[in-house]
Amino acid sequence: MANIEDENEKVWELAEKIGFCMLTTQSGSDLKARPMSAHGERIENAFYFLTDVDSHKDDEVAEHPKVCLAFADSKGQKYVSISGVAEVRNDREKIRDLWSTPAKAWWDSADDPSIRILKVTPNSAEYWDIPGTVISYIKMAAAAVTNTRPNLGDNAKVEM
């Protein structure tokens, strides 16, 4: 079994490689998920997102700061679920630091006063790193024939 540092590193590697996640927040008694571009900062133990001050997720985070980030690479069969605490910040320097071409789809420039930073500090995660569809099917078929459970790759729960 891998040690805690290796498992933590694996979470960061997978999340950074996938890059986009579904950010899930709580709205009243409902859960809401939306796709977001994640900027991981391992040294800070944080994921950052650009968001708009008028978005509903900002209000949701203010009321219910616990969130989930779900990363998925279904072709590569790699998945990461990260639970953490979110906060909204008006950090103009960090906004400029995270500014990229995709952000231009939402705002004209990094100086737009409606841009905010959504910071998520992870506290736990779980990942699945499966070797691929064909290999998985072969392992599942073999397990079904032998009445055993298939080993479908790496899976670990990680405290962050």
N, C-alpha and C. Protein backbone atom coordinates (compact mmCIF):
# COMPACT_ATOMS: atom_id res chain seq x y z
N MET A 1 0.84 -1.19 0.00
CA MET A 1 0.00 0.00 0.00
C MET A 1 0.88 1.25 0.00
N ALA A 2 0.47 2.25 -0.74
CA ALA A 2 1.23 3.49 -0.83
C ALA A 2 1.16 4.26 0.48
N ASN A 3 2.17 5.08 0.72
CA ASN A 3 2.13 5.89 1.94
C ASN A 3 1.27 7.14 1.72
N ILE A 4 0.99 7.83 2.80
CA ILE A 4 0.09 8.98 2.76
C ILE A 4 0.59 10.06 1.80
N GLU A 5 1.89 10.34 1.81
CA GLU A 5 2.44 11.38 0.93
C GLU A 5 2.24 11.00 -0.54
N ASP A 6 2.47 9.71 -0.88
CA ASP A 6 2.28 9.25 -2.25
C ASP A 6 0.82 9.37 -2.68
N GLU A 7 -0.09 9.00 -1.79
CA GLU A 7 -1.52 9.08 -2.10
C GLU A 7 -1.95 10.53 -2.28
N ASN A 8 -1.45 11.41 -1.42
CA ASN A 8 -1.75 12.84 -1.54
C ASN A 8 -1.22 13.37 -2.87
N GLU A 9 -0.01 12.98 -3.22
CA GLU A 9 0.60 13.40 -4.48
C GLU A 9 -0.23 12.91 -5.67
N LYS A 10 -0.74 11.70 -5.57
CA LYS A 10 -1.56 11.12 -6.64
C LYS A 10 -2.84 11.94 -6.84
N VAL A 11 -3.46 12.38 -5.75
CA VAL A 11 -4.66 13.22 -5.85
C VAL A 11 -4.33 14.49 -6.63
N TRP A 12 -3.25 15.16 -6.24
CA TRP A 12 -2.87 16.41 -6.91
C TRP A 12 -2.53 16.17 -8.38
N GLU A 13 -1.80 15.10 -8.67
CA GLU A 13 -1.43 14.78 -10.05
C GLU A 13 -2.66 14.59 -10.92
N LEU A 14 -3.58 13.76 -10.45
CA LEU A 14 -4.78 13.48 -11.23
C LEU A 14 -5.63 14.74 -11.42
N ALA A 15 -5.85 15.50 -10.36
CA ALA A 15 -6.67 16.72 -10.45
C ALA A 15 -6.05 17.72 -11.40
N GLU A 16 -4.74 17.91 -11.32
CA GLU A 16 -4.07 18.87 -12.20
C GLU A 16 -4.09 18.41 -13.65
N LYS A 17 -3.92 17.11 -13.88
CA LYS A 17 -3.93 16.59 -15.24
C LYS A 17 -5.31 16.73 -15.87
N ILE A 18 -6.36 16.45 -15.11
CA ILE A 18 -7.73 16.56 -15.63
C ILE A 18 -8.11 18.03 -15.81
N GLY A 19 -7.82 18.87 -14.83
CA GLY A 19 -7.98 20.31 -14.97
C GLY A 19 -9.36 20.88 -14.74
N PHE A 20 -10.39 20.25 -15.25
CA PHE A 20 -11.76 20.73 -15.07
C PHE A 20 -12.47 19.82 -14.08
N CYS A 21 -13.38 20.42 -13.33
CA CYS A 21 -14.14 19.62 -12.37
C CYS A 21 -15.57 20.12 -12.32
N MET A 22 -16.40 19.32 -11.69
CA MET A 22 -17.75 19.76 -11.34
C MET A 22 -17.67 20.23 -9.90
N LEU A 23 -17.93 21.51 -9.70
CA LEU A 23 -17.96 22.10 -8.36
C LEU A 23 -19.38 21.96 -7.83
N THR A 24 -19.51 21.27 -6.70
CA THR A 24 -20.84 21.07 -6.11
C THR A 24 -20.97 21.90 -4.85
N THR A 25 -22.03 22.71 -4.82
CA THR A 25 -22.34 23.55 -3.67
C THR A 25 -23.75 23.20 -3.19
N GLN A 26 -24.10 23.69 -2.02
CA GLN A 26 -25.44 23.49 -1.49
C GLN A 26 -26.25 24.76 -1.65
N SER A 27 -27.47 24.61 -2.18
CA SER A 27 -28.39 25.72 -2.36
C SER A 27 -29.69 25.34 -1.66
N GLY A 28 -29.90 25.88 -0.46
CA GLY A 28 -31.05 25.45 0.33
C GLY A 28 -30.87 24.00 0.69
N SER A 29 -31.84 23.16 0.33
CA SER A 29 -31.71 21.72 0.60
C SER A 29 -31.22 20.95 -0.62
N ASP A 30 -30.96 21.67 -1.73
CA ASP A 30 -30.50 21.03 -2.97
C ASP A 30 -29.00 21.17 -3.13
N LEU A 31 -28.43 20.25 -3.92
CA LEU A 31 -27.03 20.34 -4.32
C LEU A 31 -26.99 20.79 -5.77
N LYS A 32 -26.04 21.68 -6.10
CA LYS A 32 -25.89 22.20 -7.46
C LYS A 32 -24.45 21.96 -7.90
N ALA A 33 -24.28 21.45 -9.12
CA ALA A 33 -22.94 21.23 -9.67
C ALA A 33 -22.81 21.98 -10.98
N ARG A 34 -21.62 22.52 -11.19
CA ARG A 34 -21.35 23.20 -12.46
C ARG A 34 -19.88 23.01 -12.81
N PRO A 35 -19.58 22.96 -14.14
CA PRO A 35 -18.18 22.76 -14.56
C PRO A 35 -17.36 24.02 -14.31
N MET A 36 -16.15 23.80 -13.81
CA MET A 36 -15.24 24.92 -13.50
C MET A 36 -13.81 24.50 -13.86
N SER A 37 -13.03 25.48 -14.26
CA SER A 37 -11.61 25.26 -14.52
C SER A 37 -10.85 25.45 -13.21
N ALA A 38 -10.18 24.39 -12.76
CA ALA A 38 -9.50 24.40 -11.46
C ALA A 38 -8.03 24.75 -11.62
N HIS A 39 -7.54 25.59 -10.74
CA HIS A 39 -6.12 25.95 -10.68
C HIS A 39 -5.60 25.44 -9.34
N GLY A 40 -4.89 24.32 -9.37
CA GLY A 40 -4.38 23.73 -8.14
C GLY A 40 -3.06 24.33 -7.71
N GLU A 41 -2.93 24.58 -6.42
CA GLU A 41 -1.69 25.08 -5.82
C GLU A 41 -1.33 24.15 -4.68
N ARG A 42 -0.51 23.15 -4.96
CA ARG A 42 -0.15 22.14 -3.96
C ARG A 42 0.48 22.76 -2.72
N ILE A 43 1.40 23.69 -2.92
CA ILE A 43 2.13 24.29 -1.79
C ILE A 43 1.15 24.98 -0.83
N GLU A 44 0.11 25.58 -1.38
CA GLU A 44 -0.89 26.27 -0.57
C GLU A 44 -2.01 25.34 -0.11
N ASN A 45 -2.01 24.09 -0.60
CA ASN A 45 -3.10 23.15 -0.35
C ASN A 45 -4.44 23.80 -0.68
N ALA A 46 -4.54 24.29 -1.93
CA ALA A 46 -5.75 25.00 -2.34
C ALA A 46 -6.01 24.84 -3.84
N PHE A 47 -7.28 24.88 -4.18
CA PHE A 47 -7.72 24.99 -5.57
C PHE A 47 -8.38 26.34 -5.72
N TYR A 48 -8.06 27.02 -6.82
CA TYR A 48 -8.61 28.34 -7.07
C TYR A 48 -9.45 28.32 -8.35
N PHE A 49 -10.50 29.15 -8.33
CA PHE A 49 -11.39 29.29 -9.48
C PHE A 49 -11.69 30.77 -9.66
N LEU A 50 -11.83 31.19 -10.91
CA LEU A 50 -12.33 32.54 -11.17
C LEU A 50 -13.85 32.43 -11.21
N THR A 51 -14.52 33.37 -10.57
CA THR A 51 -15.98 33.37 -10.54
C THR A 51 -16.47 34.81 -10.60
N ASP A 52 -17.74 34.98 -10.73
CA ASP A 52 -18.33 36.31 -10.84
C ASP A 52 -19.07 36.65 -9.55
N VAL A 53 -18.94 37.89 -9.10
CA VAL A 53 -19.57 38.33 -7.86
C VAL A 53 -21.08 38.13 -7.88
N ASP A 54 -21.67 38.15 -9.08
CA ASP A 54 -23.12 38.01 -9.18
C ASP A 54 -23.58 36.55 -9.35
N SER A 55 -22.65 35.62 -9.30
CA SER A 55 -23.05 34.22 -9.49
C SER A 55 -23.69 33.67 -8.22
N HIS A 56 -24.54 32.70 -8.40
CA HIS A 56 -25.23 32.10 -7.25
C HIS A 56 -24.29 31.29 -6.38
N LYS A 57 -23.24 30.75 -6.97
CA LYS A 57 -22.35 29.90 -6.17
C LYS A 57 -21.68 30.70 -5.07
N ASP A 58 -21.46 31.98 -5.29
CA ASP A 58 -20.85 32.81 -4.24
C ASP A 58 -21.76 32.89 -3.02
N ASP A 59 -23.04 33.10 -3.25
CA ASP A 59 -24.01 33.15 -2.15
C ASP A 59 -24.12 31.78 -1.47
N GLU A 60 -24.09 30.72 -2.29
CA GLU A 60 -24.20 29.37 -1.74
C GLU A 60 -23.00 29.05 -0.85
N VAL A 61 -21.82 29.44 -1.29
CA VAL A 61 -20.60 29.19 -0.51
C VAL A 61 -20.62 30.00 0.78
N ALA A 62 -21.14 31.21 0.72
CA ALA A 62 -21.21 32.04 1.93
C ALA A 62 -22.09 31.37 3.00
N GLU A 63 -23.17 30.73 2.56
CA GLU A 63 -24.08 30.10 3.50
C GLU A 63 -23.66 28.67 3.88
N HIS A 64 -23.13 27.94 2.91
CA HIS A 64 -22.71 26.53 3.11
C HIS A 64 -21.33 26.36 2.50
N PRO A 65 -20.25 26.60 3.24
CA PRO A 65 -18.91 26.59 2.66
C PRO A 65 -18.34 25.22 2.30
N LYS A 66 -18.97 24.13 2.75
CA LYS A 66 -18.46 22.80 2.39
C LYS A 66 -18.86 22.49 0.94
N VAL A 67 -17.85 22.12 0.14
CA VAL A 67 -18.08 21.85 -1.28
C VAL A 67 -17.40 20.54 -1.68
N CYS A 68 -17.73 20.10 -2.88
CA CYS A 68 -17.09 18.92 -3.46
C CYS A 68 -16.61 19.27 -4.87
N LEU A 69 -15.39 18.85 -5.19
CA LEU A 69 -14.84 18.99 -6.53
C LEU A 69 -14.74 17.59 -7.13
N ALA A 70 -15.42 17.35 -8.24
CA ALA A 70 -15.41 16.03 -8.87
C ALA A 70 -14.72 16.12 -10.23
N PHE A 71 -13.52 15.53 -10.31
CA PHE A 71 -12.73 15.51 -11.53
C PHE A 71 -12.95 14.17 -12.22
N ALA A 72 -13.12 14.16 -13.55
CA ALA A 72 -13.33 12.91 -14.26
C ALA A 72 -12.67 12.93 -15.63
N ASP A 73 -11.87 11.92 -15.88
CA ASP A 73 -11.33 11.64 -17.21
C ASP A 73 -11.87 10.27 -17.58
N SER A 74 -13.06 10.25 -18.17
CA SER A 74 -13.73 8.97 -18.42
C SER A 74 -13.00 8.14 -19.46
N LYS A 75 -12.35 8.76 -20.44
CA LYS A 75 -11.59 7.99 -21.43
C LYS A 75 -10.40 7.29 -20.78
N GLY A 76 -9.70 8.02 -19.91
CA GLY A 76 -8.55 7.44 -19.23
C GLY A 76 -8.92 6.68 -17.98
N GLN A 77 -10.19 6.70 -17.61
CA GLN A 77 -10.72 6.04 -16.42
C GLN A 77 -9.98 6.48 -15.15
N LYS A 78 -9.89 7.81 -15.00
CA LYS A 78 -9.26 8.40 -13.82
C LYS A 78 -10.25 9.38 -13.21
N TYR A 79 -10.46 9.25 -11.89
CA TYR A 79 -11.47 10.06 -11.21
C TYR A 79 -10.94 10.51 -9.86
N VAL A 80 -11.33 11.74 -9.47
CA VAL A 80 -10.94 12.27 -8.16
C VAL A 80 -12.13 13.03 -7.59
N SER A 81 -12.46 12.77 -6.33
CA SER A 81 -13.47 13.51 -5.61
C SER A 81 -12.79 14.16 -4.41
N ILE A 82 -12.88 15.49 -4.34
CA ILE A 82 -12.22 16.24 -3.27
C ILE A 82 -13.27 17.00 -2.47
N SER A 83 -13.28 16.80 -1.16
CA SER A 83 -14.17 17.55 -0.26
C SER A 83 -13.34 18.63 0.42
N GLY A 84 -13.94 19.81 0.55
CA GLY A 84 -13.21 20.88 1.20
C GLY A 84 -14.11 22.03 1.60
N VAL A 85 -13.45 23.12 2.00
CA VAL A 85 -14.15 24.31 2.44
C VAL A 85 -13.82 25.44 1.48
N ALA A 86 -14.86 26.14 1.03
CA ALA A 86 -14.68 27.20 0.04
C ALA A 86 -14.88 28.57 0.68
N GLU A 87 -14.23 29.54 0.07
CA GLU A 87 -14.43 30.94 0.47
C GLU A 87 -14.25 31.81 -0.77
N VAL A 88 -14.96 32.93 -0.81
CA VAL A 88 -14.88 33.87 -1.91
C VAL A 88 -13.98 35.03 -1.48
N ARG A 89 -13.06 35.41 -2.37
CA ARG A 89 -12.13 36.49 -2.07
C ARG A 89 -12.10 37.49 -3.21
N ASN A 90 -11.80 38.72 -2.87
CA ASN A 90 -11.59 39.76 -3.88
C ASN A 90 -10.09 40.07 -3.90
N ASP A 91 -9.31 39.11 -4.35
CA ASP A 91 -7.85 39.20 -4.39
C ASP A 91 -7.43 39.55 -5.82
N ARG A 92 -7.24 40.83 -6.08
CA ARG A 92 -6.96 41.30 -7.44
C ARG A 92 -5.64 40.74 -7.98
N GLU A 93 -4.65 40.58 -7.13
CA GLU A 93 -3.36 40.04 -7.58
C GLU A 93 -3.53 38.58 -8.02
N LYS A 94 -4.27 37.78 -7.26
CA LYS A 94 -4.49 36.38 -7.60
C LYS A 94 -5.33 36.27 -8.87
N ILE A 95 -6.28 37.18 -9.05
CA ILE A 95 -7.09 37.19 -10.27
C ILE A 95 -6.19 37.39 -11.48
N ARG A 96 -5.29 38.36 -11.40
CA ARG A 96 -4.36 38.60 -12.51
C ARG A 96 -3.45 37.39 -12.73
N ASP A 97 -3.05 36.74 -11.64
CA ASP A 97 -2.19 35.57 -11.72
C ASP A 97 -2.90 34.41 -12.44
N LEU A 98 -4.20 34.24 -12.21
CA LEU A 98 -4.97 33.14 -12.79
C LEU A 98 -5.58 33.47 -14.15
N TRP A 99 -5.49 34.73 -14.56
CA TRP A 99 -6.11 35.15 -15.81
C TRP A 99 -5.52 34.37 -16.97
N SER A 100 -6.39 33.88 -17.84
CA SER A 100 -5.96 33.11 -19.02
C SER A 100 -6.95 33.34 -20.15
N THR A 101 -6.61 32.86 -21.32
CA THR A 101 -7.47 33.05 -22.49
C THR A 101 -8.91 32.56 -22.27
N PRO A 102 -9.13 31.37 -21.67
CA PRO A 102 -10.53 30.94 -21.46
C PRO A 102 -11.35 31.92 -20.62
N ALA A 103 -10.72 32.64 -19.72
CA ALA A 103 -11.45 33.60 -18.88
C ALA A 103 -12.05 34.73 -19.72
N LYS A 104 -11.47 34.99 -20.88
CA LYS A 104 -11.98 36.05 -21.77
C LYS A 104 -13.37 35.73 -22.30
N ALA A 105 -13.78 34.48 -22.20
CA ALA A 105 -15.14 34.12 -22.61
C ALA A 105 -16.16 34.72 -21.65
N TRP A 106 -15.74 35.03 -20.42
CA TRP A 106 -16.66 35.52 -19.39
C TRP A 106 -16.46 36.99 -19.06
N TRP A 107 -15.23 37.46 -19.15
CA TRP A 107 -14.91 38.84 -18.79
C TRP A 107 -13.97 39.45 -19.83
N ASP A 108 -14.00 40.78 -19.95
CA ASP A 108 -13.14 41.47 -20.92
C ASP A 108 -11.68 41.49 -20.50
N SER A 109 -11.44 41.65 -19.21
CA SER A 109 -10.05 41.70 -18.73
C SER A 109 -9.99 41.29 -17.27
N ALA A 110 -8.78 41.06 -16.80
CA ALA A 110 -8.58 40.68 -15.40
C ALA A 110 -8.95 41.82 -14.45
N ASP A 111 -9.09 43.03 -14.99
CA ASP A 111 -9.44 44.18 -14.17
C ASP A 111 -10.95 44.36 -13.98
N ASP A 112 -11.75 43.46 -14.56
CA ASP A 112 -13.20 43.54 -14.39
C ASP A 112 -13.52 43.46 -12.90
N PRO A 113 -14.21 44.45 -12.35
CA PRO A 113 -14.47 44.47 -10.91
C PRO A 113 -15.42 43.38 -10.41
N SER A 114 -16.09 42.67 -11.32
CA SER A 114 -17.02 41.63 -10.89
C SER A 114 -16.34 40.27 -10.69
N ILE A 115 -15.07 40.14 -11.08
CA ILE A 115 -14.36 38.87 -10.91
C ILE A 115 -13.97 38.68 -9.45
N ARG A 116 -14.16 37.45 -8.98
CA ARG A 116 -13.75 37.06 -7.64
C ARG A 116 -12.96 35.76 -7.72
N ILE A 117 -12.27 35.46 -6.65
CA ILE A 117 -11.56 34.19 -6.51
C ILE A 117 -12.40 33.31 -5.59
N LEU A 118 -12.60 32.09 -6.02
CA LEU A 118 -13.21 31.08 -5.16
C LEU A 118 -12.06 30.15 -4.77
N LYS A 119 -11.74 30.13 -3.50
CA LYS A 119 -10.65 29.28 -2.99
C LYS A 119 -11.26 28.09 -2.26
N VAL A 120 -10.80 26.90 -2.62
CA VAL A 120 -11.24 25.68 -1.94
C VAL A 120 -10.03 25.06 -1.27
N THR A 121 -10.14 24.89 0.04
CA THR A 121 -9.09 24.22 0.81
C THR A 121 -9.56 22.79 1.05
N PRO A 122 -8.89 21.82 0.41
CA PRO A 122 -9.34 20.43 0.55
C PRO A 122 -9.02 19.85 1.92
N ASN A 123 -9.91 18.98 2.40
CA ASN A 123 -9.62 18.29 3.66
C ASN A 123 -9.59 16.77 3.48
N SER A 124 -10.22 16.26 2.41
CA SER A 124 -10.16 14.84 2.13
C SER A 124 -10.43 14.62 0.65
N ALA A 125 -10.02 13.44 0.18
CA ALA A 125 -10.22 13.10 -1.23
C ALA A 125 -10.30 11.60 -1.38
N GLU A 126 -10.80 11.19 -2.53
CA GLU A 126 -10.75 9.79 -2.93
C GLU A 126 -10.47 9.77 -4.42
N TYR A 127 -9.60 8.85 -4.83
CA TYR A 127 -9.31 8.75 -6.26
C TYR A 127 -9.43 7.31 -6.74
N TRP A 128 -9.67 7.21 -8.04
CA TRP A 128 -9.73 5.93 -8.73
C TRP A 128 -8.87 6.08 -9.98
N ASP A 129 -7.87 5.24 -10.13
CA ASP A 129 -7.00 5.26 -11.30
C ASP A 129 -7.05 3.86 -11.90
N ILE A 130 -7.90 3.70 -12.90
CA ILE A 130 -8.21 2.40 -13.48
C ILE A 130 -7.40 2.23 -14.77
N PRO A 131 -6.87 1.05 -15.05
CA PRO A 131 -5.94 0.87 -16.16
C PRO A 131 -6.51 1.08 -17.56
N GLY A 132 -7.79 1.10 -17.76
CA GLY A 132 -8.37 1.31 -19.09
C GLY A 132 -9.57 0.41 -19.29
N THR A 133 -10.40 0.77 -20.25
CA THR A 133 -11.66 0.09 -20.48
C THR A 133 -11.47 -1.38 -20.85
N VAL A 134 -10.61 -1.67 -21.82
CA VAL A 134 -10.44 -3.04 -22.29
C VAL A 134 -9.91 -3.93 -21.17
N ILE A 135 -8.88 -3.45 -20.49
CA ILE A 135 -8.30 -4.23 -19.39
C ILE A 135 -9.34 -4.43 -18.28
N SER A 136 -10.11 -3.38 -17.99
CA SER A 136 -11.14 -3.49 -16.94
C SER A 136 -12.18 -4.55 -17.30
N TYR A 137 -12.62 -4.56 -18.55
CA TYR A 137 -13.60 -5.55 -18.97
C TYR A 137 -13.05 -6.96 -18.87
N ILE A 138 -11.79 -7.14 -19.25
CA ILE A 138 -11.17 -8.46 -19.15
C ILE A 138 -11.10 -8.90 -17.69
N LYS A 139 -10.68 -8.00 -16.81
CA LYS A 139 -10.58 -8.32 -15.38
C LYS A 139 -11.95 -8.62 -14.79
N MET A 140 -12.98 -7.86 -15.21
CA MET A 140 -14.33 -8.11 -14.69
C MET A 140 -14.85 -9.46 -15.18
N ALA A 141 -14.58 -9.80 -16.44
CA ALA A 141 -15.03 -11.09 -16.98
C ALA A 141 -14.33 -12.24 -16.25
N ALA A 142 -13.02 -12.10 -16.02
CA ALA A 142 -12.26 -13.14 -15.31
C ALA A 142 -12.78 -13.28 -13.88
N ALA A 143 -13.09 -12.16 -13.24
CA ALA A 143 -13.60 -12.21 -11.87
C ALA A 143 -14.97 -12.87 -11.82
N ALA A 144 -15.80 -12.61 -12.82
CA ALA A 144 -17.13 -13.21 -12.86
C ALA A 144 -17.02 -14.73 -13.00
N VAL A 145 -16.08 -15.20 -13.83
CA VAL A 145 -15.90 -16.63 -14.05
C VAL A 145 -15.34 -17.31 -12.81
N THR A 146 -14.43 -16.62 -12.11
CA THR A 146 -13.77 -17.22 -10.94
C THR A 146 -14.46 -16.89 -9.63
N ASN A 147 -15.56 -16.14 -9.70
CA ASN A 147 -16.30 -15.76 -8.50
C ASN A 147 -15.45 -14.97 -7.50
N THR A 148 -14.63 -14.06 -8.02
CA THR A 148 -13.79 -13.19 -7.19
C THR A 148 -14.07 -11.74 -7.57
N ARG A 149 -13.52 -10.84 -6.80
CA ARG A 149 -13.66 -9.41 -7.12
C ARG A 149 -12.46 -8.98 -7.96
N PRO A 150 -12.69 -8.19 -9.01
CA PRO A 150 -11.58 -7.77 -9.86
C PRO A 150 -10.75 -6.66 -9.21
N ASN A 151 -9.47 -6.66 -9.49
CA ASN A 151 -8.59 -5.55 -9.10
C ASN A 151 -8.59 -4.58 -10.27
N LEU A 152 -9.30 -3.48 -10.11
CA LEU A 152 -9.45 -2.53 -11.22
C LEU A 152 -8.57 -1.30 -11.08
N GLY A 153 -7.42 -1.43 -10.48
CA GLY A 153 -6.51 -0.30 -10.39
C GLY A 153 -6.44 0.25 -8.98
N ASP A 154 -5.92 1.45 -8.89
CA ASP A 154 -5.70 2.09 -7.60
C ASP A 154 -6.93 2.85 -7.14
N ASN A 155 -7.23 2.73 -5.86
CA ASN A 155 -8.29 3.49 -5.23
C ASN A 155 -7.84 3.77 -3.81
N ALA A 156 -7.93 5.02 -3.39
CA ALA A 156 -7.53 5.36 -2.02
C ALA A 156 -8.32 6.54 -1.51
N LYS A 157 -8.58 6.53 -0.21
CA LYS A 157 -9.15 7.67 0.49
C LYS A 157 -7.98 8.39 1.15
N VAL A 158 -7.94 9.73 0.99
CA VAL A 158 -6.77 10.50 1.39
C VAL A 158 -7.19 11.68 2.26
N GLU A 159 -6.52 11.87 3.38
CA GLU A 159 -6.70 13.08 4.17
C GLU A 159 -5.74 14.12 3.64
N MET A 160 -6.23 15.31 3.46
CA MET A 160 -5.39 16.36 2.88
C MET A 160 -5.19 17.47 3.90
